[in-house]
Amino acid sequence: MESINWNTIAQQAASQTDAEFNQQLSNLTHLDVSEVDDLIKESKITNANAIKTLKLIDDAMATNNEKAKALSNIENGIGFVISLVSKLI
């Protein structure tokens, strides 16, 4: 019986999830997928932290000061926001 390489399966699933996230972010921002890939790499943020950052920015209940403070607690969150805004402007 052939053994299952769970590490390879997990890596393939992570790559597929990353690609789907980048495609969705591309659709929302009207950036090319390659630009989204570059944005993620430049800001050195994980997709999980990028999602936390985007949710935080979208939180209508939080004040700008609360958002700024919370962003500083997300690893590479501020760099991601700056990179994203610079691509959109």
C-alpha atoms as a PDB file:
ATOM      1  CA  MET A   1       0.000   0.000   0.000  1.00  0.00           C
ATOM      2  CA  GLU A   2       1.353   3.386  -0.999  1.00  0.00           C
ATOM      3  CA  SER A   3       1.882   5.793   1.886  1.00  0.00           C
ATOM      4  CA  ILE A   4       0.183   9.173   1.847  1.00  0.00           C
ATOM      5  CA  ASN A   5       2.404  12.242   1.987  1.00  0.00           C
ATOM      6  CA  TRP A   6       0.302  14.530   4.178  1.00  0.00           C
ATOM      7  CA  ASN A   7       2.835  17.352   3.950  1.00  0.00           C
ATOM      8  CA  THR A   8       2.482  17.469   0.177  1.00  0.00           C
ATOM      9  CA  ILE A   9      -1.310  17.415   0.405  1.00  0.00           C
ATOM     10  CA  ALA A  10      -1.291  20.224   2.979  1.00  0.00           C
ATOM     11  CA  GLN A  11       1.102  22.284   0.851  1.00  0.00           C
ATOM     12  CA  GLN A  12      -1.072  21.837  -2.238  1.00  0.00           C
ATOM     13  CA  ALA A  13      -4.184  22.868  -0.296  1.00  0.00           C
ATOM     14  CA  ALA A  14      -2.423  25.958   1.067  1.00  0.00           C
ATOM     15  CA  SER A  15      -1.280  26.957  -2.420  1.00  0.00           C
ATOM     16  CA  GLN A  16      -4.804  26.534  -3.775  1.00  0.00           C
ATOM     17  CA  THR A  17      -6.238  28.593  -0.914  1.00  0.00           C
ATOM     18  CA  ASP A  18      -3.644  31.335  -1.468  1.00  0.00           C
ATOM     19  CA  ALA A  19      -4.467  31.453  -5.173  1.00  0.00           C
ATOM     20  CA  GLU A  20      -8.196  31.705  -4.460  1.00  0.00           C
ATOM     21  CA  PHE A  21      -7.633  34.484  -1.911  1.00  0.00           C
ATOM     22  CA  ASN A  22      -5.453  36.418  -4.356  1.00  0.00           C
ATOM     23  CA  GLN A  23      -8.109  36.017  -7.075  1.00  0.00           C
ATOM     24  CA  GLN A  24     -10.841  37.323  -4.766  1.00  0.00           C
ATOM     25  CA  LEU A  25      -8.695  40.267  -3.661  1.00  0.00           C
ATOM     26  CA  SER A  26      -7.960  40.951  -7.320  1.00  0.00           C
ATOM     27  CA  ASN A  27     -11.685  41.027  -8.088  1.00  0.00           C
ATOM     28  CA  LEU A  28     -12.385  43.414  -5.206  1.00  0.00           C
ATOM     29  CA  THR A  29      -9.568  45.830  -5.970  1.00  0.00           C
ATOM     30  CA  HIS A  30      -9.451  45.539  -9.768  1.00  0.00           C
ATOM     31  CA  LEU A  31      -5.733  44.773  -9.504  1.00  0.00           C
ATOM     32  CA  ASP A  32      -4.266  41.998 -11.624  1.00  0.00           C
ATOM     33  CA  VAL A  33      -3.626  38.744  -9.776  1.00  0.00           C
ATOM     34  CA  SER A  34       0.102  39.271 -10.359  1.00  0.00           C
ATOM     35  CA  GLU A  35      -0.171  42.697  -8.687  1.00  0.00           C
ATOM     36  CA  VAL A  36      -1.929  41.104  -5.718  1.00  0.00           C
ATOM     37  CA  ASP A  37       0.806  38.451  -5.540  1.00  0.00           C
ATOM     38  CA  ASP A  38       3.434  41.194  -5.532  1.00  0.00           C
ATOM     39  CA  LEU A  39       1.511  43.140  -2.897  1.00  0.00           C
ATOM     40  CA  ILE A  40       1.379  40.127  -0.568  1.00  0.00           C
ATOM     41  CA  LYS A  41       5.088  39.417  -1.105  1.00  0.00           C
ATOM     42  CA  GLU A  42       6.127  43.069  -0.664  1.00  0.00           C
ATOM     43  CA  SER A  43       4.249  43.479   2.582  1.00  0.00           C
ATOM     44  CA  LYS A  44       5.379  40.052   3.859  1.00  0.00           C
ATOM     45  CA  ILE A  45       1.918  39.370   5.280  1.00  0.00           C
ATOM     46  CA  THR A  46       0.220  36.009   5.587  1.00  0.00           C
ATOM     47  CA  ASN A  47      -3.188  35.583   4.036  1.00  0.00           C
ATOM     48  CA  ALA A  48      -4.650  35.068   7.518  1.00  0.00           C
ATOM     49  CA  ASN A  49      -3.225  38.411   8.664  1.00  0.00           C
ATOM     50  CA  ALA A  50      -4.326  40.100   5.438  1.00  0.00           C
ATOM     51  CA  ILE A  51      -7.882  38.928   6.123  1.00  0.00           C
ATOM     52  CA  LYS A  52      -7.674  40.174   9.731  1.00  0.00           C
ATOM     53  CA  THR A  53      -6.427  43.526   8.431  1.00  0.00           C
ATOM     54  CA  LEU A  54      -9.197  43.864   5.847  1.00  0.00           C
ATOM     55  CA  LYS A  55     -11.872  42.887   8.397  1.00  0.00           C
ATOM     56  CA  LEU A  56     -10.497  45.452  10.815  1.00  0.00           C
ATOM     57  CA  ILE A  57     -10.568  48.214   8.202  1.00  0.00           C
ATOM     58  CA  ASP A  58     -14.136  47.265   7.284  1.00  0.00           C
ATOM     59  CA  ASP A  59     -15.309  47.370  10.935  1.00  0.00           C
ATOM     60  CA  ALA A  60     -17.758  50.286  10.988  1.00  0.00           C
ATOM     61  CA  MET A  61     -18.003  50.213  14.772  1.00  0.00           C
ATOM     62  CA  ALA A  62     -14.313  50.911  15.426  1.00  0.00           C
ATOM     63  CA  THR A  63     -12.889  54.422  15.398  1.00  0.00           C
ATOM     64  CA  ASN A  64      -9.862  55.267  13.281  1.00  0.00           C
ATOM     65  CA  ASN A  65      -7.702  55.399  16.420  1.00  0.00           C
ATOM     66  CA  GLU A  66      -8.920  51.951  17.484  1.00  0.00           C
ATOM     67  CA  LYS A  67      -8.230  50.608  14.004  1.00  0.00           C
ATOM     68  CA  ALA A  68      -4.724  52.112  13.952  1.00  0.00           C
ATOM     69  CA  LYS A  69      -3.927  50.597  17.340  1.00  0.00           C
ATOM     70  CA  ALA A  70      -5.293  47.191  16.330  1.00  0.00           C
ATOM     71  CA  LEU A  71      -3.426  47.307  12.998  1.00  0.00           C
ATOM     72  CA  SER A  72      -0.163  47.797  14.834  1.00  0.00           C
ATOM     73  CA  ASN A  73      -0.811  44.462  16.572  1.00  0.00           C
ATOM     74  CA  ILE A  74      -1.206  42.519  13.304  1.00  0.00           C
ATOM     75  CA  GLU A  75       2.152  41.383  11.978  1.00  0.00           C
ATOM     76  CA  ASN A  76       2.879  43.327   8.772  1.00  0.00           C
ATOM     77  CA  GLY A  77      -0.669  44.742   8.804  1.00  0.00           C
ATOM     78  CA  ILE A  78       0.359  48.374   8.424  1.00  0.00           C
ATOM     79  CA  GLY A  79       2.785  47.568   5.611  1.00  0.00           C
ATOM     80  CA  PHE A  80       0.025  45.657   3.834  1.00  0.00           C
ATOM     81  CA  VAL A  81      -2.387  48.592   4.102  1.00  0.00           C
ATOM     82  CA  ILE A  82       0.234  51.036   2.844  1.00  0.00           C
ATOM     83  CA  SER A  83       1.109  48.755  -0.093  1.00  0.00           C
ATOM     84  CA  LEU A  84      -2.550  48.214  -0.941  1.00  0.00           C
ATOM     85  CA  VAL A  85      -3.401  51.904  -0.829  1.00  0.00           C
ATOM     86  CA  SER A  86      -0.351  52.834  -2.903  1.00  0.00           C
ATOM     87  CA  LYS A  87      -1.492  50.358  -5.599  1.00  0.00           C
ATOM     88  CA  LEU A  88      -5.030  51.732  -5.604  1.00  0.00           C
ATOM     89  CA  ILE A  89      -4.120  55.414  -5.762  1.00  0.00           C
END
